[in-house]
Protein backbone atom coordinates (compact mmCIF):
# COMPACT_ATOMS: atom_id res chain seq x y z
CA MET A 1 194.92 303.12 130.73
CA ALA A 2 192.14 300.97 130.02
CA GLY A 3 189.22 302.20 132.43
CA LEU A 4 186.86 300.93 135.00
CA LEU A 5 183.35 299.60 134.44
CA GLU A 6 181.50 300.00 137.43
CA TYR A 7 177.58 299.26 137.08
CA LYS A 8 175.31 301.69 138.90
CA CYS A 9 171.26 301.28 139.72
CA PRO A 10 170.00 304.09 138.14
CA ASN A 11 166.76 304.40 140.74
CA CYS A 12 169.00 304.46 144.19
CA GLY A 13 172.90 304.74 142.72
CA GLY A 14 173.87 301.38 144.10
CA HIS A 15 175.88 298.61 142.66
CA ILE A 16 174.13 296.14 140.62
CA LYS A 17 175.73 292.72 140.77
CA PHE A 18 175.15 289.51 139.37
CA ASP A 19 172.34 287.42 141.66
CA THR A 20 172.75 284.11 141.21
CA ALA A 21 169.48 282.80 142.85
CA ALA A 22 167.59 285.00 139.85
CA GLN A 23 169.61 284.43 137.38
CA SER A 24 169.50 288.51 136.73
CA PHE A 25 171.17 291.56 137.29
CA LYS A 26 169.63 293.25 140.52
CA CYS A 27 170.84 296.32 142.88
CA GLU A 28 171.97 295.12 146.39
CA PHE A 29 170.70 298.18 147.86
CA CYS A 30 166.79 298.81 146.32
CA ASP A 31 166.26 295.12 145.00
CA SER A 32 165.78 296.64 141.24
CA VAL A 33 166.18 294.23 139.12
CA PHE A 34 167.74 294.81 135.44
CA THR A 35 168.31 293.05 131.85
CA GLN A 36 171.26 293.13 129.90
CA GLU A 37 170.21 295.22 127.61
CA GLN A 38 169.77 297.92 130.42
CA LEU A 39 172.90 297.52 131.48
CA ALA A 40 174.73 297.70 128.01
CA SER A 41 174.23 301.92 127.93
CA GLN A 42 176.54 302.01 130.95
CA LYS A 43 178.84 299.91 129.33
CA THR A 44 178.90 301.58 126.02
CA GLU A 45 179.44 304.85 128.26
CA ALA A 46 182.70 303.54 130.34
CA GLU A 47 184.28 302.37 126.74
CA ALA A 48 183.65 305.60 125.52
CA LYS A 49 185.44 307.02 129.30
CA ALA A 50 188.17 304.80 128.79
CA GLN A 51 189.62 305.85 125.71
CA ASN A 52 189.93 309.56 126.45
CA GLU A 53 191.68 308.42 130.26
CA LYS A 54 195.13 309.08 130.97
CA SER A 55 197.42 306.96 132.92
CA PRO A 56 197.83 307.94 136.26
CA ASP A 57 201.00 309.81 137.75
CA VAL A 58 203.04 307.34 139.93
CA SER A 59 205.69 308.85 141.70
CA ALA A 60 209.28 307.26 141.88
CA ALA A 61 209.13 306.58 145.36
CA GLU A 62 206.21 304.75 145.75
CA ALA A 63 207.49 302.17 142.52
CA GLU A 64 210.77 301.96 144.80
CA GLN A 65 208.22 301.58 147.95
CA TYR A 66 206.62 298.22 146.39
CA GLY A 67 209.22 297.45 144.06
CA TRP A 68 207.62 298.51 140.61
CA THR A 69 209.06 299.99 138.14
CA THR A 70 206.67 302.76 136.14
CA GLU A 71 205.91 303.00 132.56
CA SER A 72 203.76 304.85 130.39
CA ASN A 73 200.72 302.87 129.57
CA GLY A 74 199.68 302.96 133.09
CA THR A 75 201.02 299.61 134.23
CA LEU A 76 203.75 299.25 137.21
CA GLY A 77 205.80 296.13 136.23
CA GLU A 78 203.27 293.56 137.11
CA MET A 79 200.83 295.22 138.12
CA SER A 80 198.10 297.81 136.76
CA VAL A 81 196.44 301.10 138.43
CA TYR A 82 193.09 302.33 138.32
CA SER A 83 190.80 304.96 140.05
CA CYS A 84 187.79 303.57 141.50
CA GLN A 85 185.30 305.72 140.25
CA SER A 86 182.55 305.41 143.49
CA CYS A 87 185.53 306.83 145.93
CA GLY A 88 188.35 308.11 143.72
CA ALA A 89 190.50 305.10 145.81
CA GLN A 90 193.95 303.73 143.55
CA ILE A 91 192.93 300.74 143.35
CA THR A 92 196.37 298.08 141.84
CA THR A 93 195.62 294.44 140.52
CA ASP A 94 197.68 291.74 138.78
CA VAL A 95 197.71 292.34 135.35
CA ASN A 96 195.83 289.69 134.46
CA THR A 97 192.98 290.86 137.19
CA VAL A 98 189.44 291.08 135.01
CA ALA A 99 186.92 291.88 137.47
CA SER A 100 187.58 292.58 141.09
CA LYS A 101 186.52 295.19 144.02
CA CYS A 102 187.45 298.13 145.44
CA PRO A 103 189.61 297.54 148.54
CA TYR A 104 188.17 300.75 150.01
CA CYS A 105 184.62 301.44 149.34
CA ASP A 106 184.14 297.57 147.91
CA SER A 107 182.70 298.29 144.90
CA PRO A 108 182.76 296.14 141.90
CA VAL A 109 184.58 297.15 139.52
CA ILE A 110 185.52 295.66 135.61
CA MET A 111 188.52 296.28 133.90
CA THR A 112 187.28 297.24 130.60
CA GLY A 113 190.26 296.91 128.47
CA LYS A 114 190.97 293.24 129.36
CA VAL A 115 187.60 292.02 127.53
CA SER A 116 187.65 293.74 124.84
CA GLY A 117 189.04 293.47 121.65
CA LEU A 118 191.23 290.28 121.17
CA ASN A 119 190.64 289.80 125.24
CA LYS A 120 187.08 289.56 124.68
CA PRO A 121 185.86 285.93 125.75
CA ASN A 122 183.77 283.92 123.18
CA CYS A 123 181.26 282.76 126.07
CA VAL A 124 180.29 282.32 129.51
CA ILE A 125 178.59 280.40 132.38
CA PRO A 126 176.87 282.86 134.52
CA PHE A 127 177.52 281.61 138.69
CA LYS A 128 174.20 279.51 139.92
CA LEU A 129 175.67 278.94 143.24
CA ASP A 130 176.36 281.44 145.79
CA GLY A 131 178.85 281.49 148.87
CA LYS A 132 176.65 279.60 150.95
CA GLN A 133 175.80 277.08 148.62
CA ALA A 134 179.15 276.79 147.71
CA GLY A 135 180.07 275.76 151.36
CA ASN A 136 177.07 273.67 151.45
CA ALA A 137 178.81 271.89 148.81
CA LEU A 138 182.22 271.15 150.47
CA LYS A 139 180.34 270.20 153.82
CA SER A 140 178.80 267.59 151.51
CA PHE A 141 181.53 266.71 150.08
CA CYS A 142 183.46 265.93 153.07
CA ARG A 143 180.11 264.05 154.72
CA LYS A 144 181.30 261.02 152.47
CA LYS A 145 184.99 260.81 152.88
CA VAL A 146 185.15 257.64 155.24
CA PHE A 147 188.69 258.80 156.73
CA LEU A 148 188.42 262.07 157.35
CA PRO A 149 188.64 263.34 161.04
CA SER A 150 185.84 263.39 162.20
CA LYS A 151 185.84 266.99 163.81
CA PHE A 152 187.18 268.66 159.81
CA ILE A 153 183.40 269.03 159.14
CA THR A 154 182.24 270.84 162.42
CA GLU A 155 185.81 272.20 163.17
CA HIS A 156 187.36 273.77 160.29
CA LYS A 157 187.00 277.23 159.46
CA ILE A 158 186.63 279.11 155.76
CA SER A 159 188.96 281.42 155.94
CA GLU A 160 188.34 282.97 152.30
CA MET A 161 185.56 282.56 150.06
CA LYS A 162 185.51 283.91 146.45
CA GLY A 163 183.74 283.76 143.63
CA VAL A 164 185.91 283.94 140.48
CA TYR A 165 185.65 283.54 136.40
CA VAL A 166 188.10 281.32 135.79
CA PRO A 167 189.79 281.74 132.38
CA PHE A 168 189.21 278.46 129.93
CA TRP A 169 189.84 277.80 126.06
CA ILE A 170 187.45 274.98 125.26
CA PHE A 171 188.35 273.21 122.18
CA ASP A 172 186.71 270.92 119.28
CA ALA A 173 188.82 268.58 117.43
CA ASP A 174 188.51 266.02 114.36
CA VAL A 175 190.68 263.14 114.98
CA ASN A 176 192.10 260.06 112.31
CA ALA A 177 192.95 257.22 114.01
CA ASN A 178 194.89 254.21 113.38
CA LEU A 179 195.75 251.51 116.12
CA GLU A 180 196.79 248.14 116.72
CA PHE A 181 195.86 245.45 119.29
CA GLU A 182 196.96 241.95 120.45
CA ALA A 183 193.80 239.82 121.23
CA THR A 184 193.29 236.27 122.77
CA ARG A 185 190.99 233.95 122.89
CA VAL A 186 191.62 230.96 125.97
CA ARG A 187 190.05 227.56 125.34
CA ARG A 188 190.83 224.95 128.15
CA TRP A 189 189.26 221.17 128.55
CA SER A 190 190.25 218.12 129.93
CA ASP A 191 190.74 214.64 129.69
CA LYS A 192 191.54 211.97 132.07
CA ASP A 193 195.08 212.48 132.02
CA TYR A 194 195.38 216.01 131.55
CA ASN A 195 194.07 219.77 131.93
CA TYR A 196 194.71 221.38 128.79
CA THR A 197 194.97 225.34 128.11
CA GLU A 198 194.96 226.76 124.48
CA THR A 199 195.55 230.23 124.11
CA SER A 200 195.52 231.79 120.82
CA TYR A 201 196.86 235.07 119.89
CA TYR A 202 195.25 237.40 117.52
CA ASN A 203 196.85 241.16 115.77
CA VAL A 204 193.27 243.49 115.53
CA THR A 205 193.46 246.41 113.76
CA ARG A 206 190.98 249.47 114.42
CA GLY A 207 190.87 252.92 112.07
CA GLY A 208 188.70 255.84 111.37
CA THR A 209 187.68 259.34 112.74
CA ILE A 210 186.39 260.31 115.91
CA GLY A 211 184.87 264.08 116.62
CA TYR A 212 184.94 265.40 120.01
CA ALA A 213 183.52 269.05 121.60
CA GLY A 214 184.10 270.89 124.21
CA ILE A 215 187.26 270.12 126.19
CA PRO A 216 187.79 272.52 128.38
CA VAL A 217 191.45 273.65 129.33
CA ASP A 218 191.85 276.03 131.89
CA ALA A 219 193.76 278.88 130.57
CA SER A 220 195.12 280.61 133.62
CA LYS A 221 198.83 279.69 135.46
CA SER A 222 197.56 280.38 139.46
CA MET A 223 195.09 277.71 138.95
CA PRO A 224 195.71 274.39 139.43
CA ASP A 225 195.36 272.35 137.03
CA ASP A 226 194.19 268.86 138.79
CA TYR A 227 191.52 271.45 140.64
CA MET A 228 190.09 272.84 137.13
CA ASP A 229 189.80 269.04 136.32
CA GLY A 230 188.71 267.71 139.19
CA ILE A 231 185.31 270.25 138.74
CA GLU A 232 184.41 268.71 135.67
CA PRO A 233 181.65 268.72 133.75
CA PHE A 234 180.26 272.37 133.02
CA ASP A 235 176.84 271.83 131.84
CA TYR A 236 177.55 274.15 128.51
CA ASN A 237 173.84 274.48 127.40
CA ASP A 238 173.99 277.29 130.41
CA MET A 239 176.45 278.83 127.88
CA LYS A 240 175.85 282.79 126.83
CA ALA A 241 177.36 285.18 124.69
CA PHE A 242 180.15 287.09 127.06
CA ASP A 243 178.91 290.27 128.29
CA PRO A 244 180.73 291.90 131.30
CA ALA A 245 177.69 292.30 133.42
CA PHE A 246 178.00 288.79 134.14
CA LEU A 247 181.17 289.66 135.88
CA ALA A 248 179.57 292.10 138.20
CA GLY A 249 180.45 291.11 142.39
CA PHE A 250 182.96 288.32 141.25
CA MET A 251 186.60 288.13 140.67
CA ALA A 252 187.78 287.29 137.63
CA ASP A 253 191.50 286.77 135.45
CA LYS A 254 192.37 287.24 132.02
CA TYR A 255 193.84 284.02 130.59
CA ASP A 256 197.72 284.18 130.68
CA VAL A 257 198.09 280.63 129.24
CA GLU A 258 197.78 281.06 125.12
CA SER A 259 195.72 278.34 123.67
CA SER A 260 198.71 276.72 121.84
CA GLU A 261 200.07 275.88 124.84
CA ALA A 262 196.83 274.75 126.36
CA PHE A 263 196.13 272.29 123.73
CA PRO A 264 198.57 269.69 124.23
CA ARG A 265 196.53 269.03 127.76
CA ALA A 266 193.58 268.69 125.25
CA GLU A 267 195.43 266.45 123.34
CA LYS A 268 196.39 264.38 125.67
CA ARG A 269 192.48 263.47 126.94
CA ILE A 270 191.94 262.76 123.21
CA LYS A 271 194.37 260.32 122.71
CA ASN A 272 193.19 258.59 125.77
CA SER A 273 189.76 258.98 125.24
CA THR A 274 190.30 257.59 121.14
CA GLU A 275 192.51 254.75 122.59
CA ALA A 276 189.84 253.58 124.98
CA ALA A 277 186.91 254.72 122.44
CA PHE A 278 188.23 251.96 119.77
CA ALA A 279 189.59 249.47 122.85
CA ARG A 280 185.53 249.03 123.49
CA THR A 281 184.73 247.89 119.84
CA VAL A 282 187.29 244.81 119.93
CA LYS A 283 184.81 242.31 121.29
CA GLY A 284 184.36 238.66 121.59
CA TYR A 285 188.35 238.35 123.27
CA ASP A 286 189.29 237.14 126.45
CA SER A 287 191.78 239.83 126.84
CA VAL A 288 192.37 243.28 124.71
CA VAL A 289 196.05 245.03 124.97
CA PRO A 290 197.12 248.17 122.79
CA ARG A 291 200.16 247.89 121.22
CA SER A 292 200.49 250.60 118.79
CA SER A 293 198.20 253.49 117.86
CA PHE A 294 198.73 256.80 115.10
CA ILE A 295 196.28 259.30 116.63
CA LYS A 296 196.06 262.72 114.98
CA PRO A 297 193.98 265.77 115.52
CA TYR A 298 192.67 268.24 112.59
CA ASN A 299 190.32 270.79 111.66
CA SER A 300 191.17 271.95 115.77
CA THR A 301 189.03 275.17 117.14
CA TYR A 302 188.73 276.96 120.36
CA LYS A 303 186.80 279.53 122.44
CA TYR A 304 187.74 281.66 125.21
CA ALA A 305 185.68 281.16 128.06
CA MET A 306 184.88 282.30 131.69
CA LEU A 307 183.52 279.81 133.26
CA PRO A 308 182.29 279.81 137.01
CA VAL A 309 184.50 278.59 140.03
CA TRP A 310 184.19 279.18 143.93
CA LEU A 311 187.89 279.10 146.02
CA LEU A 312 187.35 278.09 149.35
CA ASN A 313 190.24 278.37 151.72
CA ALA A 314 189.28 276.28 155.26
CA ALA A 315 191.79 276.20 158.30
CA TYR A 316 192.05 273.01 160.20
CA GLU A 317 194.11 272.66 163.37
CA GLY A 318 197.11 274.67 161.60
CA LYS A 319 197.10 273.67 158.61
CA LYS A 320 195.35 275.27 155.07
CA TYR A 321 193.46 273.44 152.74
CA LEU A 322 192.36 274.87 149.39
CA TYR A 323 188.93 273.83 147.31
CA ALA A 324 187.51 274.62 144.24
CA VAL A 325 183.95 274.26 144.04
CA ASN A 326 182.56 274.12 140.18
CA GLY A 327 179.97 277.50 140.33
CA GLN A 328 176.90 276.09 138.34
CA THR A 329 177.27 272.32 139.66
CA GLY A 330 178.69 272.29 142.95
CA ARG A 331 181.13 269.20 142.25
CA VAL A 332 184.14 269.83 144.67
CA SER A 333 188.11 269.02 143.91
CA GLY A 334 190.53 269.44 146.59
CA THR A 335 192.57 267.35 149.17
CA LEU A 336 191.09 266.61 152.76
CA PRO A 337 192.84 265.99 156.01
CA VAL A 338 193.62 261.86 157.00
CA ASP A 339 192.81 260.36 160.20
CA LYS A 340 195.56 257.90 160.46
CA LYS A 341 193.98 255.98 163.34
CA LYS A 342 190.61 255.23 161.21
CA ILE A 343 193.70 254.03 158.80
CA ALA A 344 195.28 251.91 161.10
CA LEU A 345 191.67 250.25 162.45
CA MET A 346 190.58 249.38 158.68
CA PHE A 347 193.82 247.49 158.15
CA ALA A 348 193.88 246.32 161.93
CA GLY A 349 190.47 244.98 160.61
CA ILE A 350 191.30 243.53 157.36
CA THR A 351 194.60 241.51 158.74
CA ALA A 352 192.23 240.35 161.74
CA GLY A 353 189.86 239.13 158.92
CA ILE A 354 192.63 237.75 156.91
CA THR A 355 193.70 235.52 160.17
CA ALA A 356 190.75 234.60 160.87
CA ILE A 357 190.16 232.71 157.35
CA LEU A 358 193.58 230.77 157.43
CA GLN A 359 193.04 229.78 160.97
CA TYR A 360 189.40 228.47 159.64
CA PHE A 361 191.10 226.42 156.83
CA VAL A 362 194.60 225.65 158.79
CA PHE A 363 192.48 224.27 161.52
CA ARG A 364 189.27 223.19 160.03
């Protein structure tokens, strides 16, 4: 069984977490601040200890109670079992969980074996927003929505809020492209008898290469893809080499979508962006319509990254709504309730306006 890593303050023994405001590592009890280098020794000791740990003995009765099957490597079916170093309680997690909290003493824990070797991320963007700032980002997002029920902002309740490092594959690729467009030019003129329109059709081709860098695709099956797409972009200027210390105090999952499974999503975005980029080079025509395209990525590479996301569950009038907030920029994605009366009033206003215009022209 892989071990747990808990960062402890050498001054008071309290838990060390990553502080979003200070962008540093801080003890939540005595406010002592530490560098990554100072925490590195605790990580090394935890890794050494993990090599000597054995899997906990789980009784057949326990396995049957929860519907799990015991395995020799310390996992129960789709679950993993650990012992909290602070209180000794048993922590049971999903096999993809990288960072969590002890449900008994609330100690932040990191599963070292899931962020080492082939599972080690290349990079991480640390959280910049805390939970309060994420909640404020949602409120700001709501204020801009015309058809949102007026009471939603004041009456919705955040039932759950958690900061999660979501696994992403970040792709770079070069592209060979050959595209064909149908373009038109329209000429109009008149004489004393007729109005004329002449439409000329052209076959326009474009070819070349284009490069893409930093295309993110979430690598977790539990995360809604449209939500993760909706909170882009991330600012890669804040990206750092991965260190498990950044996970302290947050939740995190390892990837369960392989890079080969994720690349088709990146490839689709590459195709759409390439078509749009080459179409913008076709100028001087009245219309341009794509007819065919051959777009082939090559030299593709990828990085495994942990990116910060706040997940908020809001309850309103008996329904639950999920929101994702970019933990770096505050960009929000999610579905809001709709006030049907506001929509009805809008269409009534449009209809009244159209009727007034028609009456003006008919009865003028």
